[in-house]
Protein backbone atom coordinates (compact mmCIF):
# COMPACT_ATOMS: atom_id res chain seq x y z
CA UNK A 1 167.82 119.20 173.52
CA UNK A 2 167.13 116.04 175.50
CA UNK A 3 164.08 113.99 174.69
CA UNK A 4 161.24 113.28 177.14
CA UNK A 5 161.90 110.89 179.98
CA UNK A 6 158.37 109.50 179.65
CA UNK A 7 157.20 109.76 176.07
CA UNK A 8 153.88 108.06 176.86
CA UNK A 9 152.87 111.10 178.92
CA UNK A 10 153.10 113.45 175.96
CA UNK A 11 150.33 113.88 173.45
CA UNK A 12 151.22 114.34 169.82
CA UNK A 13 150.90 117.84 168.42
CA UNK A 14 147.27 118.00 167.22
CA UNK A 15 146.85 118.24 163.46
CA UNK A 16 144.77 121.17 162.25
CA UNK A 17 142.01 118.94 160.87
CA UNK A 18 141.68 116.90 164.06
CA UNK A 19 140.89 119.88 166.30
CA UNK A 20 137.14 120.56 166.74
CA UNK A 21 136.04 123.67 164.78
CA UNK A 22 135.38 125.92 167.78
CA UNK A 23 138.65 124.97 169.47
CA UNK A 24 140.45 125.46 166.16
CA UNK A 25 139.06 128.99 165.81
CA UNK A 26 140.00 129.80 169.37
CA UNK A 27 143.52 128.41 168.85
CA UNK A 28 144.00 130.43 165.66
CA UNK A 29 142.78 133.55 167.47
CA UNK A 30 145.21 132.91 170.30
CA UNK A 31 148.07 132.48 167.86
CA UNK A 32 147.23 135.67 165.99
CA UNK A 33 146.95 137.59 169.23
CA UNK A 34 150.27 136.16 170.46
CA UNK A 35 152.10 137.14 167.28
CA UNK A 36 150.72 140.69 167.45
CA UNK A 37 151.65 140.87 171.12
CA UNK A 38 155.17 139.76 170.23
CA UNK A 39 155.48 142.36 167.48
CA UNK A 40 154.29 145.09 169.82
CA UNK A 41 156.80 143.95 172.43
CA UNK A 42 159.59 144.01 169.87
CA UNK A 43 158.74 147.59 168.86
CA UNK A 44 158.76 148.65 172.51
CA UNK A 45 162.16 147.02 173.06
CA UNK A 46 163.67 148.58 169.95
CA UNK A 47 162.11 152.05 170.11
CA UNK A 48 161.29 152.81 173.75
CA UNK A 49 163.52 150.72 176.01
CA UNK A 50 166.68 152.72 175.27
CA UNK A 51 165.12 155.87 176.76
CA UNK A 52 163.33 154.27 179.69
CA UNK A 53 164.58 153.89 183.26
CA UNK A 54 165.28 150.33 184.51
CA UNK A 55 162.19 150.50 186.73
CA UNK A 56 159.95 151.39 183.80
CA UNK A 57 161.48 148.66 181.63
CA UNK A 58 160.90 146.10 184.37
CA UNK A 59 157.28 147.17 184.83
CA UNK A 60 156.73 146.68 181.10
CA UNK A 61 158.45 143.29 181.14
CA UNK A 62 156.14 142.13 183.95
CA UNK A 63 152.94 143.32 182.27
CA UNK A 64 154.03 142.02 178.84
CA UNK A 65 154.79 138.59 180.31
CA UNK A 66 151.43 138.37 182.07
CA UNK A 67 149.66 139.35 178.88
CA UNK A 68 151.58 136.73 176.90
CA UNK A 69 150.47 133.99 179.28
CA UNK A 70 146.88 135.23 179.28
CA UNK A 71 146.84 135.53 175.50
CA UNK A 72 147.71 131.83 175.17
CA UNK A 73 145.00 130.94 177.67
CA UNK A 74 147.23 130.26 180.68
CA UNK A 75 146.20 131.19 184.21
CA UNK A 76 149.11 132.21 186.45
CA UNK A 77 149.21 131.08 190.09
CA UNK A 78 151.92 132.56 192.31
CA UNK A 79 152.98 131.17 195.67
CA UNK A 80 155.57 132.86 197.87
CA UNK A 81 157.64 135.95 197.19
CA UNK A 82 161.05 136.79 195.81
CA UNK A 83 163.90 137.97 198.02
CA UNK A 84 164.70 141.66 197.57
CA UNK A 85 168.10 142.49 196.12
CA UNK A 86 170.72 140.27 194.54
CA UNK A 87 169.88 136.57 194.22
CA UNK A 88 170.28 133.59 191.95
CA UNK A 89 166.95 132.09 190.94
CA UNK A 90 167.19 128.35 190.28
CA UNK A 91 164.18 126.72 188.59
CA UNK A 92 163.17 123.50 186.89
CA UNK A 93 162.71 123.82 183.13
CA UNK A 94 159.59 122.69 181.27
CA UNK A 95 158.86 125.20 178.50
CA UNK A 96 160.10 128.31 176.76
CA UNK A 97 157.21 129.95 178.64
CA UNK A 98 159.10 129.46 181.94
CA UNK A 99 160.87 132.77 181.34
CA UNK A 100 157.57 134.62 180.94
CA UNK A 101 156.11 132.93 184.03
CA UNK A 102 159.03 134.08 186.19
CA UNK A 103 159.28 137.50 184.55
CA UNK A 104 155.60 138.09 185.31
CA UNK A 105 156.54 138.02 189.00
CA UNK A 106 160.22 139.01 188.96
CA UNK A 107 160.89 141.22 185.92
CA UNK A 108 164.38 142.14 187.14
CA UNK A 109 165.63 138.60 186.52
CA UNK A 110 168.39 138.22 183.92
CA UNK A 111 168.19 134.72 182.48
CA UNK A 112 171.06 132.56 181.36
CA UNK A 113 170.03 130.94 178.07
CA UNK A 114 171.57 128.82 175.36
CA UNK A 115 172.94 130.97 172.54
CA UNK A 116 170.57 129.42 169.97
CA UNK A 117 167.60 131.26 171.52
CA UNK A 118 169.09 134.51 170.28
CA UNK A 119 168.43 133.32 166.70
CA UNK A 120 164.75 132.50 167.24
CA UNK A 121 162.46 134.76 165.19
CA UNK A 122 160.98 137.55 167.32
CA UNK A 123 161.49 135.68 170.61
CA UNK A 124 165.26 136.06 170.44
CA UNK A 125 165.16 139.84 170.22
CA UNK A 126 162.61 140.06 173.01
CA UNK A 127 164.65 138.01 175.49
CA UNK A 128 167.72 139.95 174.39
CA UNK A 129 165.98 143.16 175.45
CA UNK A 130 165.44 141.70 178.94
CA UNK A 131 169.19 141.51 179.59
CA UNK A 132 169.61 137.78 178.90
CA UNK A 133 173.07 136.24 179.32
CA UNK A 134 173.94 133.75 176.59
CA UNK A 135 175.94 130.55 176.94
CA UNK A 136 177.50 128.75 173.97
CA UNK A 137 177.31 125.23 175.35
CA UNK A 138 179.50 123.70 172.66
CA UNK A 139 182.43 125.83 173.81
CA UNK A 140 183.87 124.66 177.11
CA UNK A 141 185.63 127.97 177.76
CA UNK A 142 182.42 129.94 177.35
CA UNK A 143 181.10 128.53 180.62
CA UNK A 144 183.93 130.29 182.47
CA UNK A 145 183.08 133.58 180.76
CA UNK A 146 179.41 133.28 181.71
CA UNK A 147 180.33 132.20 185.24
CA UNK A 148 182.40 135.36 185.67
CA UNK A 149 179.58 137.50 184.23
CA UNK A 150 176.99 135.99 186.59
CA UNK A 151 179.26 136.47 189.60
CA UNK A 152 179.84 140.11 188.68
CA UNK A 153 176.11 140.72 188.09
CA UNK A 154 175.23 139.25 191.50
CA UNK A 155 177.92 141.30 193.22
CA UNK A 156 176.44 144.42 191.60
CA UNK A 157 173.00 143.63 193.05
CA UNK A 158 171.34 142.02 190.02
CA UNK A 159 168.98 139.05 189.98
CA UNK A 160 170.10 136.21 187.70
CA UNK A 161 168.01 133.14 186.84
CA UNK A 162 169.29 129.76 185.65
CA UNK A 163 167.82 126.40 184.66
CA UNK A 164 170.45 123.95 185.96
CA UNK A 165 168.96 121.00 184.07
CA UNK A 166 170.43 122.53 180.93
CA UNK A 167 167.40 121.44 178.89
CA UNK A 168 163.64 121.05 179.26
CA UNK A 169 161.92 118.07 180.85
CA UNK A 170 158.35 116.79 180.93
CA UNK A 171 157.60 118.53 184.23
CA UNK A 172 157.11 115.38 186.29
CA UNK A 173 160.53 115.24 187.93
CA UNK A 174 163.52 117.55 187.42
CA UNK A 175 166.45 116.17 185.47
CA UNK A 176 169.84 116.12 187.22
CA UNK A 177 171.13 119.63 187.95
CA UNK A 178 174.47 120.74 186.51
CA UNK A 179 176.59 122.38 189.18
CA UNK A 180 178.99 124.58 187.21
CA UNK A 181 177.04 127.84 187.13
CA UNK A 182 176.14 127.53 190.82
CA UNK A 183 179.72 128.44 191.64
CA UNK A 184 178.80 132.03 190.77
CA UNK A 185 176.36 132.41 193.66
CA UNK A 186 178.77 130.74 196.07
CA UNK A 187 181.53 133.16 195.05
CA UNK A 188 179.29 136.25 195.10
CA UNK A 189 177.85 135.80 198.58
CA UNK A 190 174.29 136.33 197.29
CA UNK A 191 171.50 133.93 198.29
CA UNK A 192 169.99 131.33 195.99
CA UNK A 193 166.21 131.09 195.66
CA UNK A 194 164.67 127.91 194.24
CA UNK A 195 161.49 128.08 192.15
CA UNK A 196 159.22 125.15 191.27
CA UNK A 197 157.34 125.52 187.99
CA UNK A 198 154.35 123.30 187.32
CA UNK A 199 151.92 123.40 184.38
CA UNK A 200 148.57 121.64 184.75
CA UNK A 201 145.32 121.20 182.85
CA UNK A 202 142.06 119.33 183.50
CA UNK A 203 142.79 115.63 183.89
CA UNK A 204 146.55 116.19 184.09
CA UNK A 205 148.28 117.36 187.27
CA UNK A 206 151.34 117.73 185.03
CA UNK A 207 150.32 119.16 181.67
CA UNK A 208 151.39 117.30 178.52
CA UNK A 209 150.45 120.36 176.45
CA UNK A 210 153.12 122.58 178.01
CA UNK A 211 156.13 120.26 177.74
CA UNK A 212 158.68 121.48 175.16
CA UNK A 213 160.86 118.43 174.68
CA UNK A 214 162.57 116.28 172.08
CA UNK A 215 162.70 117.74 168.57
CA UNK A 216 159.55 119.84 168.99
CA UNK A 217 159.74 123.20 167.22
CA UNK A 218 158.64 126.51 168.68
CA UNK A 219 155.75 126.59 166.19
CA UNK A 220 154.55 123.15 167.25
CA UNK A 221 154.74 124.15 170.90
CA UNK A 222 152.72 127.30 170.22
CA UNK A 223 150.02 125.33 168.44
CA UNK A 224 149.74 122.78 171.22
CA UNK A 225 149.53 125.52 173.85
CA UNK A 226 146.91 127.39 171.82
CA UNK A 227 144.79 124.24 171.52
CA UNK A 228 144.92 123.44 175.24
CA UNK A 229 141.95 124.06 177.51
CA UNK A 230 142.15 125.62 180.98
CA UNK A 231 145.93 125.44 181.14
CA UNK A 232 147.58 126.96 184.20
CA UNK A 233 151.12 127.55 185.43
CA UNK A 234 152.06 127.54 189.10
CA UNK A 235 155.16 129.47 190.16
CA UNK A 236 156.12 128.37 193.67
CA UNK A 237 158.83 130.64 195.04
CA UNK A 238 160.65 128.81 197.83
CA UNK A 239 162.66 130.25 200.70
CA UNK A 240 166.03 131.85 199.83
CA UNK A 241 169.15 130.09 201.07
CA UNK A 242 172.56 131.40 202.06
CA UNK A 243 175.16 129.30 200.25
CA UNK A 244 178.53 130.86 201.08
CA UNK A 245 181.26 128.19 201.23
CA UNK A 246 178.87 125.49 199.95
CA UNK A 247 180.07 122.65 197.74
CA UNK A 248 178.54 123.28 194.33
CA UNK A 249 177.75 119.62 193.58
CA UNK A 250 176.11 119.09 196.94
CA UNK A 251 174.21 122.36 196.44
CA UNK A 252 173.00 121.25 193.00
CA UNK A 253 171.70 117.95 194.40
CA UNK A 254 170.03 119.69 197.35
CA UNK A 255 168.32 122.32 195.16
CA UNK A 256 167.06 119.65 192.78
CA UNK A 257 165.55 117.68 195.64
CA UNK A 258 163.98 120.82 197.16
CA UNK A 259 162.26 121.65 193.85
CA UNK A 260 161.31 118.01 193.21
CA UNK A 261 159.68 117.79 196.63
CA UNK A 262 157.74 121.02 196.01
CA UNK A 263 156.48 119.57 192.72
CA UNK A 264 155.43 116.34 194.41
CA UNK A 265 153.66 118.22 197.21
CA UNK A 266 151.81 120.38 194.70
CA UNK A 267 150.12 117.57 192.83
């Protein structure tokens, strides 16, 4: 995972003893509630999802995602709406919570994620239950397999979501977008829909508490999120674009600039 582009904008993970007592109690309560919420979600995925219809599973994914954000103290702000039917969602990547933020509004989205996420305790099984597509980045040939899978999913009417940066950034400006997976939407004929994700908190138009960068662990990220005050996430859904016959590299650059401009306008 790439380190932060501006390390001075990131606060260190607060040590337990440095957090004021009331905030510490609230953070511990948030963490306990989040773990219980995750366990409940896992039981639903394992025991109930197999017998549920896709519509019922998606309704549960949306409500579970909203509750996860609320449990950690995040307020969700949605702007715009998602295109009905098949589409490729392209978003900037700030945190592991990005998936929950998008799923809260578009639970049908199947995310493309690095294969390591599948091994994360609890989280891995939950994202697996949401139909996640996994990419083994260290294997060059695996990109072709995933590309074919995405193309097929789009042609069958699914919604697929990708983070073309390939890693998380600080949230100030998107990293360069990789173009390879965008070939899937060009080949499928489905539209692409860019999404700008922005986390903020009092005093910070771009939240340092939400950034999941460098060698930060999931546990450290959870603690920093739990300690934050009045944290919010804005999901700005931009207009869908027809991209048939587009050049994938030019498309990647254009989508990055579209999202970057939305982030700049939103500050």
